[in-house]
């Protein structure tokens, strides 16, 4: 009986450390879905690549070229 319990503990430890999938950070997932339209080139970009200038949304690329 003791050998069976030890075997189950070993199998459980192997599952926990090697097979279990890592958790996905929900904050990163939500941030990647926030797309905003650039008013200059009419292309959607992630929120972190948009600058608000004079009430207009401008992407980093258009801002660098202007």
N, C-alpha and C. Protein backbone atom coordinates (compact mmCIF):
# COMPACT_ATOMS: atom_id res chain seq x y z
N UNK A 1 0.83 -1.20 0.00
CA UNK A 1 0.00 0.00 0.00
C UNK A 1 0.87 1.25 0.00
N UNK A 2 1.96 1.24 0.76
CA UNK A 2 2.85 2.39 0.82
C UNK A 2 3.53 2.66 -0.52
N UNK A 3 3.84 1.58 -1.27
CA UNK A 3 4.48 1.74 -2.57
C UNK A 3 3.53 2.41 -3.56
N UNK A 4 2.25 2.11 -3.47
CA UNK A 4 1.26 2.71 -4.37
C UNK A 4 1.13 4.20 -4.09
N UNK A 5 1.12 4.58 -2.83
CA UNK A 5 1.01 6.00 -2.46
C UNK A 5 2.25 6.77 -2.94
N UNK A 6 3.42 6.20 -2.75
CA UNK A 6 4.65 6.85 -3.22
C UNK A 6 4.64 6.99 -4.74
N UNK A 7 4.19 5.95 -5.44
CA UNK A 7 4.10 6.00 -6.90
C UNK A 7 3.13 7.10 -7.35
N UNK A 8 1.99 7.21 -6.69
CA UNK A 8 1.02 8.25 -7.03
C UNK A 8 1.59 9.65 -6.75
N UNK A 9 2.33 9.80 -5.67
CA UNK A 9 2.95 11.09 -5.37
C UNK A 9 4.00 11.46 -6.43
N UNK A 10 4.76 10.50 -6.88
CA UNK A 10 5.77 10.75 -7.92
C UNK A 10 5.09 11.15 -9.23
N UNK A 11 4.03 10.43 -9.60
CA UNK A 11 3.30 10.76 -10.83
C UNK A 11 2.67 12.15 -10.71
N UNK A 12 2.12 12.46 -9.55
CA UNK A 12 1.54 13.80 -9.33
C UNK A 12 2.58 14.90 -9.43
N UNK A 13 3.77 14.66 -8.88
CA UNK A 13 4.84 15.66 -8.95
C UNK A 13 5.31 15.85 -10.38
N UNK A 14 5.43 14.77 -11.13
CA UNK A 14 5.83 14.88 -12.54
C UNK A 14 4.79 15.69 -13.31
N UNK A 15 3.53 15.42 -13.10
CA UNK A 15 2.46 16.17 -13.77
C UNK A 15 2.52 17.64 -13.39
N UNK A 16 2.68 17.93 -12.12
CA UNK A 16 2.66 19.31 -11.64
C UNK A 16 3.83 20.12 -12.21
N UNK A 17 5.01 19.56 -12.25
CA UNK A 17 6.19 20.31 -12.65
C UNK A 17 6.47 20.28 -14.16
N UNK A 18 6.05 19.25 -14.87
CA UNK A 18 6.45 19.11 -16.27
C UNK A 18 5.30 19.18 -17.27
N UNK A 19 4.12 18.75 -16.90
CA UNK A 19 3.03 18.68 -17.86
C UNK A 19 2.06 19.85 -17.73
N UNK A 20 1.92 20.39 -16.56
CA UNK A 20 0.97 21.47 -16.31
C UNK A 20 1.30 22.69 -17.17
N UNK A 21 0.30 23.26 -17.86
CA UNK A 21 0.51 24.41 -18.72
C UNK A 21 0.62 25.68 -17.89
N UNK A 22 1.49 26.60 -18.29
CA UNK A 22 1.59 27.87 -17.55
C UNK A 22 0.35 28.73 -17.76
N UNK A 23 0.06 29.54 -16.75
CA UNK A 23 -1.11 30.42 -16.83
C UNK A 23 -0.81 31.58 -17.77
N UNK A 24 -1.83 32.01 -18.51
CA UNK A 24 -1.70 33.14 -19.42
C UNK A 24 -2.12 34.40 -18.68
N UNK A 25 -1.31 35.45 -18.81
CA UNK A 25 -1.61 36.71 -18.16
C UNK A 25 -2.75 37.39 -18.93
N UNK A 26 -3.91 37.58 -18.29
CA UNK A 26 -5.08 38.16 -18.94
C UNK A 26 -4.88 39.62 -19.30
N UNK A 27 -4.04 40.36 -18.57
CA UNK A 27 -3.83 41.77 -18.86
C UNK A 27 -3.17 41.95 -20.22
N UNK A 28 -2.19 41.12 -20.54
CA UNK A 28 -1.52 41.21 -21.83
C UNK A 28 -2.50 40.87 -22.95
N UNK A 29 -3.35 39.90 -22.74
CA UNK A 29 -4.31 39.49 -23.74
C UNK A 29 -5.29 40.62 -24.03
N UNK A 30 -5.80 41.29 -23.00
CA UNK A 30 -6.74 42.38 -23.18
C UNK A 30 -6.09 43.56 -23.88
N UNK A 31 -4.85 43.86 -23.56
CA UNK A 31 -4.16 45.00 -24.15
C UNK A 31 -3.93 44.78 -25.64
N UNK A 32 -3.66 43.56 -26.06
CA UNK A 32 -3.39 43.30 -27.46
C UNK A 32 -4.64 43.41 -28.31
N UNK A 33 -5.82 43.37 -27.72
CA UNK A 33 -7.06 43.46 -28.47
C UNK A 33 -7.56 44.89 -28.61
N UNK A 34 -6.96 45.87 -27.93
CA UNK A 34 -7.38 47.26 -28.03
C UNK A 34 -6.73 47.88 -29.26
N UNK A 35 -7.44 47.86 -30.38
CA UNK A 35 -6.92 48.43 -31.61
C UNK A 35 -7.60 49.77 -31.87
N UNK A 36 -6.81 50.75 -32.29
CA UNK A 36 -7.31 52.10 -32.54
C UNK A 36 -6.92 52.48 -33.95
N UNK A 37 -7.82 53.16 -34.65
CA UNK A 37 -7.59 53.59 -36.02
C UNK A 37 -6.74 54.85 -36.06
N UNK A 38 -5.68 54.81 -36.85
CA UNK A 38 -4.85 56.00 -37.08
C UNK A 38 -5.62 56.91 -38.03
N UNK A 39 -5.80 58.17 -37.66
CA UNK A 39 -6.57 59.10 -38.48
C UNK A 39 -5.82 59.53 -39.74
N UNK A 40 -4.54 59.30 -39.79
CA UNK A 40 -3.75 59.73 -40.94
C UNK A 40 -3.64 58.64 -42.01
N UNK A 41 -3.23 57.43 -41.61
CA UNK A 41 -3.03 56.35 -42.59
C UNK A 41 -4.19 55.36 -42.63
N UNK A 42 -5.18 55.53 -41.75
CA UNK A 42 -6.38 54.68 -41.70
C UNK A 42 -6.06 53.21 -41.47
N UNK A 43 -5.07 52.95 -40.63
CA UNK A 43 -4.68 51.59 -40.27
C UNK A 43 -4.89 51.41 -38.77
N UNK A 44 -5.32 50.21 -38.37
CA UNK A 44 -5.52 49.92 -36.96
C UNK A 44 -4.19 49.54 -36.32
N UNK A 45 -3.92 50.10 -35.15
CA UNK A 45 -2.71 49.83 -34.38
C UNK A 45 -3.08 49.55 -32.93
N UNK A 46 -2.23 48.80 -32.21
CA UNK A 46 -2.47 48.61 -30.78
C UNK A 46 -2.46 49.96 -30.05
N UNK A 47 -3.18 50.02 -28.97
CA UNK A 47 -3.34 51.26 -28.22
C UNK A 47 -2.00 51.87 -27.80
N UNK A 48 -1.01 51.04 -27.49
CA UNK A 48 0.28 51.57 -27.03
C UNK A 48 1.13 52.15 -28.16
N UNK A 49 0.71 52.01 -29.43
CA UNK A 49 1.44 52.57 -30.55
C UNK A 49 0.77 53.82 -31.11
N UNK A 50 -0.25 54.33 -30.45
CA UNK A 50 -1.00 55.49 -30.91
C UNK A 50 -0.72 56.68 -30.01
N UNK A 51 -0.54 57.86 -30.63
CA UNK A 51 -0.40 59.11 -29.87
C UNK A 51 -1.60 59.98 -30.18
N UNK A 52 -2.10 60.66 -29.17
CA UNK A 52 -3.24 61.56 -29.33
C UNK A 52 -2.68 62.97 -29.53
N UNK A 53 -2.82 63.53 -30.73
CA UNK A 53 -2.30 64.85 -31.05
C UNK A 53 -3.43 65.69 -31.63
N UNK A 54 -3.72 66.81 -30.99
CA UNK A 54 -4.81 67.71 -31.41
C UNK A 54 -6.13 66.98 -31.58
N UNK A 55 -6.41 66.04 -30.70
CA UNK A 55 -7.67 65.30 -30.75
C UNK A 55 -7.70 64.19 -31.79
N UNK A 56 -6.61 63.96 -32.50
CA UNK A 56 -6.55 62.91 -33.51
C UNK A 56 -5.62 61.80 -33.05
N UNK A 57 -5.95 60.59 -33.44
CA UNK A 57 -5.11 59.43 -33.12
C UNK A 57 -4.10 59.24 -34.25
N UNK A 58 -2.81 59.35 -33.92
CA UNK A 58 -1.74 59.23 -34.91
C UNK A 58 -0.81 58.09 -34.47
N UNK A 59 -0.50 57.18 -35.41
CA UNK A 59 0.41 56.08 -35.09
C UNK A 59 1.84 56.59 -35.03
N UNK A 60 2.71 55.80 -34.43
CA UNK A 60 4.12 56.20 -34.28
C UNK A 60 4.79 56.42 -35.63
N UNK A 61 4.45 55.61 -36.61
CA UNK A 61 5.07 55.72 -37.92
C UNK A 61 4.68 57.03 -38.61
N UNK A 62 3.40 57.38 -38.58
CA UNK A 62 2.95 58.64 -39.18
C UNK A 62 3.51 59.84 -38.41
N UNK A 63 3.61 59.70 -37.10
CA UNK A 63 4.15 60.79 -36.28
C UNK A 63 5.62 61.03 -36.61
N UNK A 64 6.36 59.96 -36.86
CA UNK A 64 7.79 60.08 -37.18
C UNK A 64 7.99 60.68 -38.58
N UNK A 65 7.07 60.41 -39.49
CA UNK A 65 7.19 60.90 -40.86
C UNK A 65 6.67 62.32 -41.04
N UNK A 66 6.00 62.87 -40.04
CA UNK A 66 5.45 64.22 -40.20
C UNK A 66 6.33 65.29 -39.61
